[in-house]
Amino acid sequence: MKIDLQQIKELLGIVSSTDVTEFTIEFGDQRITVKKDRPALAQTIEVPAQSRPQAQAASAAVAEPVKAQAPEPAAKPEAHGHSDDNGASANTVAITSPMVGTFYGQPSPTAPSFVKINDRISVGQTVCIIEAMKLMNDLPSEVAGKIVKICVESGTTVEYGQTLFLVDPKG
């Protein structure tokens, strides 16, 4: 079976509209791998040594849209002036969601929470799990400090860039 340019375009459209980050499909001696890094999209097309003109044309056509896409800024902690529900004022840093998915504050329903208010966290420490497309993604903190506020309830859907935690980096 030969893969034509229209099939490749349809495949790219499907993958780009989902949270799938890597997809490989093989037809005989042809293999297409689509890899999507957050937030940019990159594709690799591998063809056998006796490459066909059709495959070369498809490779050139697929590479062009990738160059035209501007990458979105990565989700980074943002500084905020904040007054929490307890009345404490502090300059805080937001830990935001890097993807759309379901927020879980603990590794399992019966396990204790990864973090609680007033917990001290370190860079790289897992603060929650975001489930996307049945994949559990640990979210490590990019900031050290004290958890001032947990902005999301476990089991709720979160959006890309939504604030999940407020952290006092001086705490």
C-alpha atoms as a PDB file:
ATOM      1  CA  MET A   1       0.000   0.000   0.000  1.00  0.00           C
ATOM      2  CA  LYS A   2       1.326   3.432  -0.884  1.00  0.00           C
ATOM      3  CA  ILE A   3       0.773   6.488   1.271  1.00  0.00           C
ATOM      4  CA  ASP A   4      -0.219   9.608  -0.633  1.00  0.00           C
ATOM      5  CA  LEU A   5       0.174  13.267   0.297  1.00  0.00           C
ATOM      6  CA  GLN A   6      -3.525  13.658   1.192  1.00  0.00           C
ATOM      7  CA  GLN A   7      -3.308  10.778   3.685  1.00  0.00           C
ATOM      8  CA  ILE A   8      -0.254  12.387   5.310  1.00  0.00           C
ATOM      9  CA  LYS A   9      -2.058  15.751   5.580  1.00  0.00           C
ATOM     10  CA  GLU A  10      -5.078  14.048   7.179  1.00  0.00           C
ATOM     11  CA  LEU A  11      -2.814  12.209   9.634  1.00  0.00           C
ATOM     12  CA  LEU A  12      -1.071  15.455  10.614  1.00  0.00           C
ATOM     13  CA  GLY A  13      -4.426  17.174  11.119  1.00  0.00           C
ATOM     14  CA  ILE A  14      -5.670  14.406  13.391  1.00  0.00           C
ATOM     15  CA  VAL A  15      -2.486  14.294  15.476  1.00  0.00           C
ATOM     16  CA  SER A  16      -2.252  18.089  15.801  1.00  0.00           C
ATOM     17  CA  SER A  17      -5.810  18.277  17.174  1.00  0.00           C
ATOM     18  CA  THR A  18      -5.064  15.810  19.995  1.00  0.00           C
ATOM     19  CA  ASP A  19      -2.685  15.532  22.957  1.00  0.00           C
ATOM     20  CA  VAL A  20      -0.852  12.623  21.302  1.00  0.00           C
ATOM     21  CA  THR A  21       2.874  13.454  21.283  1.00  0.00           C
ATOM     22  CA  GLU A  22       4.207  10.633  19.093  1.00  0.00           C
ATOM     23  CA  PHE A  23       2.622   8.417  16.462  1.00  0.00           C
ATOM     24  CA  THR A  24       4.199   5.878  14.072  1.00  0.00           C
ATOM     25  CA  ILE A  25       2.489   4.080  11.198  1.00  0.00           C
ATOM     26  CA  GLU A  26       4.080   1.518   8.868  1.00  0.00           C
ATOM     27  CA  PHE A  27       2.964   0.346   5.438  1.00  0.00           C
ATOM     28  CA  GLY A  28       5.275  -2.318   4.054  1.00  0.00           C
ATOM     29  CA  ASP A  29       8.717  -0.746   3.799  1.00  0.00           C
ATOM     30  CA  GLN A  30       7.416   2.804   4.413  1.00  0.00           C
ATOM     31  CA  ARG A  31       7.266   4.228   7.927  1.00  0.00           C
ATOM     32  CA  ILE A  32       5.950   7.607   9.031  1.00  0.00           C
ATOM     33  CA  THR A  33       6.629   8.950  12.521  1.00  0.00           C
ATOM     34  CA  VAL A  34       4.931  12.102  13.741  1.00  0.00           C
ATOM     35  CA  LYS A  35       6.420  13.628  16.896  1.00  0.00           C
ATOM     36  CA  LYS A  36       4.879  16.619  18.599  1.00  0.00           C
ATOM     37  CA  ASP A  37       6.800  18.386  21.331  1.00  0.00           C
ATOM     38  CA  ARG A  38       4.914  20.773  23.550  1.00  0.00           C
ATOM     39  CA  PRO A  39       4.138  23.262  22.091  1.00  0.00           C
ATOM     40  CA  ALA A  40       5.890  23.002  18.711  1.00  0.00           C
ATOM     41  CA  LEU A  41       5.161  20.264  16.156  1.00  0.00           C
ATOM     42  CA  ALA A  42       7.908  18.287  14.457  1.00  0.00           C
ATOM     43  CA  GLN A  43       7.602  15.425  11.979  1.00  0.00           C
ATOM     44  CA  THR A  44      10.010  12.804  10.730  1.00  0.00           C
ATOM     45  CA  ILE A  45       9.365  10.742   7.622  1.00  0.00           C
ATOM     46  CA  GLU A  46      11.571   7.729   7.018  1.00  0.00           C
ATOM     47  CA  VAL A  47      11.591   5.957   3.659  1.00  0.00           C
ATOM     48  CA  PRO A  48      13.695   3.014   2.488  1.00  0.00           C
ATOM     49  CA  ALA A  49      17.019   3.516   0.704  1.00  0.00           C
ATOM     50  CA  GLN A  50      15.347   3.094  -2.691  1.00  0.00           C
ATOM     51  CA  SER A  51      13.239   6.196  -1.976  1.00  0.00           C
ATOM     52  CA  ARG A  52      10.300   6.820  -4.231  1.00  0.00           C
ATOM     53  CA  PRO A  53       9.568  10.194  -5.893  1.00  0.00           C
ATOM     54  CA  GLN A  54       6.107  10.193  -4.262  1.00  0.00           C
ATOM     55  CA  ALA A  55       7.631   9.817  -0.788  1.00  0.00           C
ATOM     56  CA  GLN A  56      10.156  12.598  -1.468  1.00  0.00           C
ATOM     57  CA  ALA A  57       7.382  14.960  -2.583  1.00  0.00           C
ATOM     58  CA  ALA A  58       5.371  14.114   0.534  1.00  0.00           C
ATOM     59  CA  SER A  59       8.382  14.752   2.756  1.00  0.00           C
ATOM     60  CA  ALA A  60       8.906  18.211   1.256  1.00  0.00           C
ATOM     61  CA  ALA A  61       5.205  19.057   1.557  1.00  0.00           C
ATOM     62  CA  VAL A  62       5.058  17.952   5.191  1.00  0.00           C
ATOM     63  CA  ALA A  63       8.147  19.933   6.229  1.00  0.00           C
ATOM     64  CA  GLU A  64       6.770  23.242   4.931  1.00  0.00           C
ATOM     65  CA  PRO A  65       3.842  23.691   7.389  1.00  0.00           C
ATOM     66  CA  VAL A  66       6.160  22.999  10.328  1.00  0.00           C
ATOM     67  CA  LYS A  67       8.376  25.959   9.398  1.00  0.00           C
ATOM     68  CA  ALA A  68       5.318  28.200   9.175  1.00  0.00           C
ATOM     69  CA  GLN A  69       4.129  27.463  12.717  1.00  0.00           C
ATOM     70  CA  ALA A  70       5.228  29.803  15.481  1.00  0.00           C
ATOM     71  CA  PRO A  71       5.783  27.978  18.770  1.00  0.00           C
ATOM     72  CA  GLU A  72       3.623  28.953  21.717  1.00  0.00           C
ATOM     73  CA  PRO A  73       5.405  30.177  24.841  1.00  0.00           C
ATOM     74  CA  ALA A  74       6.073  27.432  27.368  1.00  0.00           C
ATOM     75  CA  ALA A  75       4.145  27.514  30.626  1.00  0.00           C
ATOM     76  CA  LYS A  76       6.466  29.070  33.187  1.00  0.00           C
ATOM     77  CA  PRO A  77       5.819  30.194  36.735  1.00  0.00           C
ATOM     78  CA  GLU A  78       4.436  33.716  36.849  1.00  0.00           C
ATOM     79  CA  ALA A  79       4.968  36.166  39.717  1.00  0.00           C
ATOM     80  CA  HIS A  80       1.843  37.619  41.325  1.00  0.00           C
ATOM     81  CA  GLY A  81       1.026  39.944  44.159  1.00  0.00           C
ATOM     82  CA  HIS A  82      -1.362  37.785  46.151  1.00  0.00           C
ATOM     83  CA  SER A  83      -3.536  37.885  49.236  1.00  0.00           C
ATOM     84  CA  ASP A  84      -4.750  34.387  50.086  1.00  0.00           C
ATOM     85  CA  ASP A  85      -7.951  33.328  51.862  1.00  0.00           C
ATOM     86  CA  ASN A  86      -6.131  33.343  55.211  1.00  0.00           C
ATOM     87  CA  GLY A  87      -5.336  37.049  54.787  1.00  0.00           C
ATOM     88  CA  ALA A  88      -1.581  36.519  54.395  1.00  0.00           C
ATOM     89  CA  SER A  89       0.000  38.756  51.758  1.00  0.00           C
ATOM     90  CA  ALA A  90       3.031  37.636  49.794  1.00  0.00           C
ATOM     91  CA  ASN A  91       4.580  37.837  46.372  1.00  0.00           C
ATOM     92  CA  THR A  92       3.751  34.482  44.899  1.00  0.00           C
ATOM     93  CA  VAL A  93       4.681  32.434  41.875  1.00  0.00           C
ATOM     94  CA  ALA A  94       2.005  30.493  39.994  1.00  0.00           C
ATOM     95  CA  ILE A  95       2.529  26.891  38.975  1.00  0.00           C
ATOM     96  CA  THR A  96       0.405  26.529  35.849  1.00  0.00           C
ATOM     97  CA  SER A  97      -0.891  23.582  33.869  1.00  0.00           C
ATOM     98  CA  PRO A  98       1.259  22.684  30.849  1.00  0.00           C
ATOM     99  CA  MET A  99      -1.685  20.951  29.136  1.00  0.00           C
ATOM    100  CA  VAL A 100      -5.422  20.374  29.082  1.00  0.00           C
ATOM    101  CA  GLY A 101      -6.415  17.421  31.247  1.00  0.00           C
ATOM    102  CA  THR A 102      -7.709  16.240  34.603  1.00  0.00           C
ATOM    103  CA  PHE A 103      -5.911  17.470  37.736  1.00  0.00           C
ATOM    104  CA  TYR A 104      -5.142  14.968  40.489  1.00  0.00           C
ATOM    105  CA  GLY A 105      -3.629  16.167  43.766  1.00  0.00           C
ATOM    106  CA  GLN A 106      -2.666  12.664  44.924  1.00  0.00           C
ATOM    107  CA  PRO A 107      -1.197   9.572  43.216  1.00  0.00           C
ATOM    108  CA  SER A 108      -4.289   7.466  44.010  1.00  0.00           C
ATOM    109  CA  PRO A 109      -7.688   8.086  45.621  1.00  0.00           C
ATOM    110  CA  THR A 110      -6.555   6.616  48.964  1.00  0.00           C
ATOM    111  CA  ALA A 111      -3.040   8.127  48.991  1.00  0.00           C
ATOM    112  CA  PRO A 112      -2.153  11.405  50.702  1.00  0.00           C
ATOM    113  CA  SER A 113      -1.889  14.584  48.613  1.00  0.00           C
ATOM    114  CA  PHE A 114       1.393  15.406  46.902  1.00  0.00           C
ATOM    115  CA  VAL A 115       1.346  18.817  48.619  1.00  0.00           C
ATOM    116  CA  LYS A 116      -0.812  20.714  51.117  1.00  0.00           C
ATOM    117  CA  ILE A 117      -1.067  24.405  51.984  1.00  0.00           C
ATOM    118  CA  ASN A 118       2.028  25.544  53.945  1.00  0.00           C
ATOM    119  CA  ASP A 119       4.130  22.598  52.634  1.00  0.00           C
ATOM    120  CA  ARG A 120       7.628  23.534  51.521  1.00  0.00           C
ATOM    121  CA  ILE A 121       8.466  22.279  48.034  1.00  0.00           C
ATOM    122  CA  SER A 122      11.683  22.064  46.055  1.00  0.00           C
ATOM    123  CA  VAL A 123      12.436  22.399  42.357  1.00  0.00           C
ATOM    124  CA  GLY A 124      11.659  19.114  40.597  1.00  0.00           C
ATOM    125  CA  GLN A 125       9.286  17.866  43.305  1.00  0.00           C
ATOM    126  CA  THR A 126       6.055  16.382  41.920  1.00  0.00           C
ATOM    127  CA  VAL A 127       3.142  18.584  42.977  1.00  0.00           C
ATOM    128  CA  CYS A 128       0.304  16.864  41.069  1.00  0.00           C
ATOM    129  CA  ILE A 129      -0.643  14.649  38.148  1.00  0.00           C
ATOM    130  CA  ILE A 130      -2.366  15.840  34.980  1.00  0.00           C
ATOM    131  CA  GLU A 131      -4.178  13.068  33.104  1.00  0.00           C
ATOM    132  CA  ALA A 132      -4.437  13.622  29.363  1.00  0.00           C
ATOM    133  CA  MET A 133      -5.637  10.969  26.910  1.00  0.00           C
ATOM    134  CA  LYS A 134      -5.431   8.241  29.592  1.00  0.00           C
ATOM    135  CA  LEU A 135      -1.754   9.111  30.254  1.00  0.00           C
ATOM    136  CA  MET A 136      -0.728  10.208  33.746  1.00  0.00           C
ATOM    137  CA  ASN A 137       1.789  13.081  33.607  1.00  0.00           C
ATOM    138  CA  ASP A 138       3.661  14.029  36.783  1.00  0.00           C
ATOM    139  CA  LEU A 139       4.021  17.804  37.114  1.00  0.00           C
ATOM    140  CA  PRO A 140       7.335  18.781  38.746  1.00  0.00           C
ATOM    141  CA  SER A 141       7.628  22.195  40.374  1.00  0.00           C
ATOM    142  CA  GLU A 142       9.812  24.764  38.634  1.00  0.00           C
ATOM    143  CA  VAL A 143      10.076  26.814  41.830  1.00  0.00           C
ATOM    144  CA  ALA A 144      11.072  26.189  45.454  1.00  0.00           C
ATOM    145  CA  GLY A 145       9.086  27.698  48.310  1.00  0.00           C
ATOM    146  CA  LYS A 146       5.940  27.303  50.400  1.00  0.00           C
ATOM    147  CA  ILE A 147       2.519  26.354  48.963  1.00  0.00           C
ATOM    148  CA  VAL A 148       0.254  29.331  49.686  1.00  0.00           C
ATOM    149  CA  LYS A 149      -2.846  28.222  47.795  1.00  0.00           C
ATOM    150  CA  ILE A 150      -4.119  25.199  45.883  1.00  0.00           C
ATOM    151  CA  CYS A 151      -6.342  26.691  43.183  1.00  0.00           C
ATOM    152  CA  VAL A 152      -7.902  23.499  41.767  1.00  0.00           C
ATOM    153  CA  GLU A 153      -9.815  20.603  43.297  1.00  0.00           C
ATOM    154  CA  SER A 154      -8.652  17.071  42.575  1.00  0.00           C
ATOM    155  CA  GLY A 155     -10.582  15.423  39.747  1.00  0.00           C
ATOM    156  CA  THR A 156     -11.431  18.640  37.911  1.00  0.00           C
ATOM    157  CA  THR A 157     -10.557  19.521  34.313  1.00  0.00           C
ATOM    158  CA  VAL A 158      -7.816  22.120  33.852  1.00  0.00           C
ATOM    159  CA  GLU A 159      -6.853  24.222  30.844  1.00  0.00           C
ATOM    160  CA  TYR A 160      -3.436  24.970  29.384  1.00  0.00           C
ATOM    161  CA  GLY A 161      -1.878  27.815  31.407  1.00  0.00           C
ATOM    162  CA  GLN A 162      -4.442  27.620  34.239  1.00  0.00           C
ATOM    163  CA  THR A 163      -3.007  28.407  37.689  1.00  0.00           C
ATOM    164  CA  LEU A 164      -2.863  25.262  39.833  1.00  0.00           C
ATOM    165  CA  PHE A 165      -0.828  26.434  42.837  1.00  0.00           C
ATOM    166  CA  LEU A 166       0.486  29.685  44.266  1.00  0.00           C
ATOM    167  CA  VAL A 167       3.921  29.396  45.861  1.00  0.00           C
ATOM    168  CA  ASP A 168       5.769  31.868  48.081  1.00  0.00           C
ATOM    169  CA  PRO A 169       9.389  31.485  46.922  1.00  0.00           C
ATOM    170  CA  LYS A 170      10.621  33.187  50.129  1.00  0.00           C
ATOM    171  CA  GLY A 171       8.553  30.920  52.374  1.00  0.00           C
END
